[in-house]
């Protein structure tokens, strides 16, 4: 698990840090592999025999049909693999070496290394994971020192080498992805900087295009001193006053038309201001007296008519008179 430093807040700095760590890890793995790899000696030289096409076809067909094989796992080539191959060649001329967890190029390297260490002949690499080998015409079982040579790795060291190799493969696969992400981030940062510069230029242009409000008072002072502007202002004020006067006259006429008719009748009654009647009966009695006075005064007026509200008051007054009698 990678722990990021709290100072590296930016994504670009984090990617740089991860890339730096991956490169350092690759260097450490390469140094570890160099320490584990066996030293090459000039004793083991490989001089393969030359086979005719007929012999090559015959031994290849024999090797495809044979069922004896030697597996090569994650440890790769070590002393036990070489020993098993020689034990198979003791009774069989051909042999299959099945290689797992390796790429096609690594299988070719393993085939060349096996031919050098065992002295056999590589006939074919079948399906990119099976090496068919022939022991040779003049094969004789070598002594134990040659069957398990010291220049090869032991079982434990071979396992350590496989771990380093897997780690190196993973790191080398991860570094290009980091570099690609870093380039993409840099391109995005450049585009953002360009966009910000364009936005700043737009803001400056808009500020230049804005009107100068400080010059407005001076313009007003010049217009006040000009007699032509004063005459224009006076004419405009007169026109506005005419408009408002016409509107007010029309509004008063409309209000007069909308006023209900019975209010004209109420205006004929005498109004008593700032009086509060303690008794409702006395109030009605006073209303009846006022009505009598109005009738006596308005006998000559033939066009006098009561509306519904006046009739209600008159009925109430007549009922009160009846009760008193």
Protein backbone atom coordinates (compact mmCIF):
# COMPACT_ATOMS: atom_id res chain seq x y z
CA UNK A 1 0.00 0.00 0.00
CA UNK A 2 1.39 3.39 -1.03
CA UNK A 3 1.19 6.14 1.62
CA UNK A 4 1.11 9.63 0.11
CA UNK A 5 2.83 12.53 1.80
CA UNK A 6 0.31 15.13 3.10
CA UNK A 7 2.18 17.91 1.29
CA UNK A 8 1.41 16.41 -2.11
CA UNK A 9 -2.12 17.71 -2.56
CA UNK A 10 -2.05 18.09 -6.31
CA UNK A 11 -2.80 15.11 -8.54
CA UNK A 12 0.22 15.80 -10.71
CA UNK A 13 2.61 15.72 -7.76
CA UNK A 14 1.02 12.47 -6.53
CA UNK A 15 1.52 10.86 -9.95
CA UNK A 16 5.14 12.01 -9.99
CA UNK A 17 5.70 10.53 -6.54
CA UNK A 18 4.14 7.18 -7.53
CA UNK A 19 6.19 7.07 -10.73
CA UNK A 20 9.38 7.81 -8.78
CA UNK A 21 8.57 5.01 -6.32
CA UNK A 22 7.87 2.55 -9.16
CA UNK A 23 11.20 3.36 -10.86
CA UNK A 24 13.05 2.91 -7.57
CA UNK A 25 11.32 -0.44 -7.06
CA UNK A 26 12.33 -1.55 -10.55
CA UNK A 27 15.96 -0.71 -9.79
CA UNK A 28 15.84 -2.69 -6.53
CA UNK A 29 14.33 -5.73 -8.26
CA UNK A 30 16.96 -5.66 -11.01
CA UNK A 31 19.74 -5.52 -8.41
CA UNK A 32 18.19 -8.46 -6.54
CA UNK A 33 18.01 -10.52 -9.74
CA UNK A 34 21.65 -9.82 -10.49
CA UNK A 35 22.61 -11.15 -7.08
CA UNK A 36 20.59 -14.35 -7.50
CA UNK A 37 21.53 -15.12 -11.12
CA UNK A 38 24.29 -17.76 -11.40
CA UNK A 39 27.61 -16.77 -12.89
CA UNK A 40 28.12 -17.89 -16.48
CA UNK A 41 30.99 -20.30 -16.98
CA UNK A 42 32.84 -21.16 -20.15
CA UNK A 43 32.78 -24.87 -19.29
CA UNK A 44 29.25 -25.41 -20.59
CA UNK A 45 29.49 -25.04 -24.37
CA UNK A 46 26.79 -26.30 -26.75
CA UNK A 47 27.71 -27.80 -30.11
CA UNK A 48 24.47 -29.32 -31.49
CA UNK A 49 24.56 -32.15 -33.96
CA UNK A 50 23.39 -31.53 -37.51
CA UNK A 51 20.31 -33.54 -38.47
CA UNK A 52 19.13 -34.26 -41.99
CA UNK A 53 15.58 -33.27 -42.93
CA UNK A 54 14.50 -36.93 -42.83
CA UNK A 55 15.93 -37.40 -39.34
CA UNK A 56 14.40 -34.15 -38.13
CA UNK A 57 10.95 -35.18 -39.48
CA UNK A 58 11.24 -38.67 -37.96
CA UNK A 59 12.29 -37.51 -34.45
CA UNK A 60 9.74 -34.69 -34.48
CA UNK A 61 6.92 -37.13 -35.27
CA UNK A 62 8.20 -39.41 -32.51
CA UNK A 63 8.35 -36.52 -30.03
CA UNK A 64 4.76 -35.42 -30.78
CA UNK A 65 3.49 -38.93 -30.09
CA UNK A 66 5.49 -39.56 -26.93
CA UNK A 67 3.81 -39.09 -23.54
CA UNK A 68 6.80 -38.50 -21.30
CA UNK A 69 7.27 -34.85 -20.30
CA UNK A 70 8.98 -32.59 -17.79
CA UNK A 71 7.02 -29.64 -16.34
CA UNK A 72 8.62 -26.24 -15.83
CA UNK A 73 6.68 -24.11 -13.35
CA UNK A 74 7.14 -20.65 -11.88
CA UNK A 75 10.65 -21.47 -10.66
CA UNK A 76 11.90 -21.83 -14.22
CA UNK A 77 15.12 -23.77 -14.87
CA UNK A 78 16.92 -25.19 -11.85
CA UNK A 79 18.89 -28.34 -10.96
CA UNK A 80 15.86 -30.62 -10.63
CA UNK A 81 14.60 -29.88 -14.17
CA UNK A 82 17.96 -30.80 -15.75
CA UNK A 83 18.14 -34.01 -13.71
CA UNK A 84 14.63 -35.11 -14.72
CA UNK A 85 15.40 -34.53 -18.41
CA UNK A 86 18.46 -36.77 -18.27
CA UNK A 87 16.47 -39.45 -16.44
CA UNK A 88 13.85 -39.42 -19.20
CA UNK A 89 16.52 -39.58 -21.92
CA UNK A 90 17.90 -42.69 -20.30
CA UNK A 91 15.05 -44.69 -21.92
CA UNK A 92 13.52 -42.29 -24.51
CA UNK A 93 15.13 -40.42 -27.37
CA UNK A 94 12.66 -37.52 -27.39
CA UNK A 95 11.10 -35.50 -24.64
CA UNK A 96 8.43 -32.82 -24.11
CA UNK A 97 9.14 -29.85 -21.83
CA UNK A 98 5.87 -28.14 -20.88
CA UNK A 99 6.46 -24.55 -19.82
CA UNK A 100 3.81 -22.65 -17.82
CA UNK A 101 3.37 -19.04 -16.68
CA UNK A 102 5.82 -17.72 -19.29
CA UNK A 103 5.41 -15.68 -22.45
CA UNK A 104 6.33 -16.88 -25.95
CA UNK A 105 9.66 -14.99 -25.97
CA UNK A 106 10.58 -16.36 -22.54
CA UNK A 107 9.78 -19.89 -23.77
CA UNK A 108 12.30 -19.44 -26.59
CA UNK A 109 14.93 -18.29 -24.09
CA UNK A 110 14.19 -21.30 -21.86
CA UNK A 111 14.54 -23.66 -24.86
CA UNK A 112 17.96 -22.21 -25.74
CA UNK A 113 19.08 -22.44 -22.10
CA UNK A 114 17.96 -26.10 -21.83
CA UNK A 115 19.81 -27.00 -25.01
CA UNK A 116 22.97 -25.39 -23.63
CA UNK A 117 22.72 -27.05 -20.21
CA UNK A 118 21.68 -30.54 -21.34
CA UNK A 119 23.40 -30.78 -24.75
CA UNK A 120 20.15 -31.75 -26.49
CA UNK A 121 18.56 -30.50 -29.72
CA UNK A 122 15.42 -28.43 -29.88
CA UNK A 123 13.19 -29.85 -32.60
CA UNK A 124 10.11 -27.60 -32.27
CA UNK A 125 8.22 -25.26 -29.95
CA UNK A 126 4.65 -26.53 -30.18
CA UNK A 127 1.68 -24.26 -29.28
CA UNK A 128 4.07 -21.71 -27.68
CA UNK A 129 4.31 -23.69 -24.42
CA UNK A 130 5.68 -27.13 -25.34
CA UNK A 131 9.33 -27.70 -26.26
CA UNK A 132 10.10 -30.97 -28.10
CA UNK A 133 13.77 -31.99 -27.61
CA UNK A 134 15.96 -34.76 -28.94
CA UNK A 135 18.85 -36.15 -26.83
CA UNK A 136 21.28 -36.58 -29.76
CA UNK A 137 22.75 -39.47 -31.77
CA UNK A 138 25.77 -40.18 -29.57
CA UNK A 139 24.05 -39.62 -26.24
CA UNK A 140 25.58 -41.13 -23.12
CA UNK A 141 24.26 -40.54 -19.64
CA UNK A 142 26.59 -38.00 -18.01
CA UNK A 143 27.81 -38.16 -14.42
CA UNK A 144 25.80 -36.68 -11.57
CA UNK A 145 27.75 -33.41 -11.58
CA UNK A 146 26.68 -32.78 -15.17
CA UNK A 147 23.13 -34.07 -14.68
CA UNK A 148 22.60 -31.45 -11.94
CA UNK A 149 25.14 -28.71 -12.76
CA UNK A 150 26.21 -26.28 -10.08
CA UNK A 151 25.79 -23.28 -12.33
CA UNK A 152 22.01 -23.73 -12.11
CA UNK A 153 20.00 -22.48 -9.17
CA UNK A 154 18.74 -24.52 -6.27
CA UNK A 155 15.02 -24.97 -5.63
CA UNK A 156 14.85 -22.20 -3.00
CA UNK A 157 16.84 -19.66 -5.03
CA UNK A 158 14.76 -20.46 -8.09
CA UNK A 159 11.62 -19.59 -6.11
CA UNK A 160 13.15 -16.28 -4.99
CA UNK A 161 14.12 -15.53 -8.58
CA UNK A 162 10.55 -16.21 -9.72
CA UNK A 163 9.23 -13.73 -7.13
CA UNK A 164 11.65 -11.04 -8.31
CA UNK A 165 10.76 -11.79 -11.92
CA UNK A 166 7.01 -11.50 -11.26
CA UNK A 167 7.52 -8.23 -9.40
CA UNK A 168 9.65 -6.82 -12.21
CA UNK A 169 7.05 -7.83 -14.78
CA UNK A 170 4.28 -6.12 -12.83
CA UNK A 171 6.29 -2.91 -12.27
CA UNK A 172 7.30 -2.66 -15.92
CA UNK A 173 3.67 -3.08 -16.90
CA UNK A 174 2.55 -0.38 -14.43
CA UNK A 175 5.14 2.32 -15.25
CA UNK A 176 3.85 3.07 -18.81
CA UNK A 177 0.32 3.55 -17.43
CA UNK A 178 1.62 6.06 -14.89
CA UNK A 179 3.54 7.95 -17.56
CA UNK A 180 0.43 8.08 -19.75
CA UNK A 181 -1.71 9.39 -16.87
CA UNK A 182 0.93 12.01 -16.06
CA UNK A 183 1.03 13.24 -19.66
CA UNK A 184 -2.75 13.40 -19.75
CA UNK A 185 -2.82 15.39 -16.50
CA UNK A 186 -0.22 17.84 -17.85
CA UNK A 187 -2.24 18.34 -21.03
CA UNK A 188 -5.38 19.02 -18.97
CA UNK A 189 -3.47 21.50 -16.79
CA UNK A 190 -2.25 23.36 -19.87
CA UNK A 191 -5.78 23.57 -21.30
CA UNK A 192 -7.08 24.87 -17.95
CA UNK A 193 -4.37 27.55 -17.84
CA UNK A 194 -5.26 28.63 -21.38
CA UNK A 195 -8.96 28.79 -20.48
CA UNK A 196 -8.19 30.90 -17.41
CA UNK A 197 -6.08 33.33 -19.45
CA UNK A 198 -8.87 33.63 -22.03
CA UNK A 199 -11.41 34.28 -19.26
CA UNK A 200 -9.19 36.98 -17.73
CA UNK A 201 -8.86 38.68 -21.11
CA UNK A 202 -12.65 38.58 -21.57
CA UNK A 203 -13.15 40.18 -18.15
CA UNK A 204 -10.70 42.96 -18.99
CA UNK A 205 -12.46 43.62 -22.28
CA UNK A 206 -15.86 43.81 -20.56
CA UNK A 207 -14.47 46.25 -17.99
CA UNK A 208 -13.17 48.47 -20.79
CA UNK A 209 -16.55 48.36 -22.55
CA UNK A 210 -18.48 49.49 -19.42
CA UNK A 211 -19.70 53.17 -19.38
CA UNK A 212 -17.94 55.70 -17.17
CA UNK A 213 -20.48 56.61 -14.48
CA UNK A 214 -18.17 59.29 -13.06
CA UNK A 215 -18.75 61.50 -16.11
CA UNK A 216 -22.53 61.56 -15.60
CA UNK A 217 -22.55 64.44 -12.99
CA UNK A 218 -20.47 66.63 -15.29
CA UNK A 219 -22.88 65.92 -18.12
CA UNK A 220 -25.78 66.89 -15.86
CA UNK A 221 -24.10 70.19 -14.93
CA UNK A 222 -23.56 71.03 -18.59
CA UNK A 223 -27.21 70.26 -19.37
CA UNK A 224 -28.38 72.53 -16.49
CA UNK A 225 -26.36 75.46 -17.82
CA UNK A 226 -27.74 74.99 -21.34
CA UNK A 227 -30.93 77.08 -21.98
CA UNK A 228 -32.20 74.72 -24.67
CA UNK A 229 -32.29 71.81 -22.18
CA UNK A 230 -34.21 73.99 -19.68
CA UNK A 231 -36.87 74.82 -22.29
CA UNK A 232 -37.20 71.16 -23.20
CA UNK A 233 -37.60 70.18 -19.53
CA UNK A 234 -40.30 72.84 -19.02
CA UNK A 235 -42.29 71.63 -22.04
CA UNK A 236 -42.05 68.04 -20.85
CA UNK A 237 -43.31 68.99 -17.36
CA UNK A 238 -46.29 70.86 -18.85
CA UNK A 239 -47.23 67.89 -21.00
CA UNK A 240 -47.06 65.59 -17.98
CA UNK A 241 -49.24 67.94 -15.90
CA UNK A 242 -51.88 68.01 -18.66
CA UNK A 243 -51.88 64.25 -18.78
CA UNK A 244 -52.33 63.89 -15.02
CA UNK A 245 -55.09 66.55 -14.92
CA UNK A 246 -57.11 64.83 -17.62
CA UNK A 247 -56.69 61.54 -15.79
CA UNK A 248 -57.90 63.06 -12.49
CA UNK A 249 -61.03 64.60 -14.13
CA UNK A 250 -61.98 61.34 -15.77
CA UNK A 251 -61.46 59.47 -12.46
CA UNK A 252 -63.79 61.88 -10.57
CA UNK A 253 -66.50 61.49 -13.20
CA UNK A 254 -66.27 57.70 -13.01
CA UNK A 255 -66.49 57.78 -9.20
CA UNK A 256 -69.56 60.02 -9.39
CA UNK A 257 -71.25 57.60 -11.78
CA UNK A 258 -70.43 54.60 -9.57
CA UNK A 259 -71.76 56.24 -6.34
CA UNK A 260 -75.00 54.49 -5.18
CA UNK A 261 -78.25 56.44 -5.33
CA UNK A 262 -79.43 55.90 -1.77
CA UNK A 263 -76.48 57.88 -0.40
CA UNK A 264 -78.08 61.05 -1.85
CA UNK A 265 -81.14 60.37 0.27
CA UNK A 266 -79.02 59.92 3.42
CA UNK A 267 -77.42 63.30 2.86
CA UNK A 268 -80.81 64.97 3.50
CA UNK A 269 -80.93 63.69 7.08
CA UNK A 270 -79.38 65.91 9.71
CA UNK A 271 -76.05 64.62 10.88
CA UNK A 272 -75.09 64.61 14.53
CA UNK A 273 -71.34 64.57 15.02
CA UNK A 274 -69.48 63.37 18.10
CA UNK A 275 -72.58 61.90 19.84
CA UNK A 276 -72.90 58.46 21.31
CA UNK A 277 -76.39 57.07 22.01
CA UNK A 278 -76.63 55.05 25.11
CA UNK A 279 -80.04 53.54 24.29
CA UNK A 280 -81.04 52.09 20.96
CA UNK A 281 -84.73 53.03 21.46
CA UNK A 282 -83.91 56.69 21.98
CA UNK A 283 -81.79 56.58 18.86
CA UNK A 284 -84.69 55.26 16.80
CA UNK A 285 -87.05 57.86 18.34
CA UNK A 286 -84.72 60.60 17.27
CA UNK A 287 -84.63 59.15 13.75
CA UNK A 288 -88.49 59.22 13.55
CA UNK A 289 -88.55 62.86 14.71
CA UNK A 290 -86.03 63.76 12.05
CA UNK A 291 -88.18 62.01 9.46
CA UNK A 292 -91.21 64.04 10.42
CA UNK A 293 -89.26 67.24 10.07
CA UNK A 294 -88.05 66.19 6.67
CA UNK A 295 -91.63 65.37 5.56
CA UNK A 296 -92.85 68.76 6.70
CA UNK A 297 -90.08 70.52 4.89
CA UNK A 298 -90.32 68.51 1.70
CA UNK A 299 -94.07 68.44 1.00
CA UNK A 300 -93.56 70.48 -2.16
CA UNK A 301 -91.13 67.94 -3.57
CA UNK A 302 -93.19 65.36 -5.48
CA UNK A 303 -90.17 63.42 -6.69
CA UNK A 304 -89.15 62.24 -3.12
CA UNK A 305 -88.80 58.40 -2.94
CA UNK A 306 -87.44 56.03 -0.25
CA UNK A 307 -85.22 53.08 -0.96
CA UNK A 308 -85.20 49.75 0.93
CA UNK A 309 -82.92 50.96 3.76
CA UNK A 310 -85.22 53.93 4.51
CA UNK A 311 -88.24 51.66 4.50
CA UNK A 312 -86.58 49.35 7.03
CA UNK A 313 -85.93 52.27 9.39
CA UNK A 314 -89.52 53.49 9.02
CA UNK A 315 -90.92 50.06 9.82
CA UNK A 316 -88.74 49.81 12.91
CA UNK A 317 -89.91 53.24 14.08
CA UNK A 318 -93.60 52.37 13.57
CA UNK A 319 -93.19 49.12 15.52
CA UNK A 320 -91.62 50.96 18.43
CA UNK A 321 -94.53 53.46 18.48
CA UNK A 322 -97.05 50.66 18.60
CA UNK A 323 -95.27 49.03 21.52
CA UNK A 324 -95.24 52.27 23.52
CA UNK A 325 -98.99 52.80 22.99
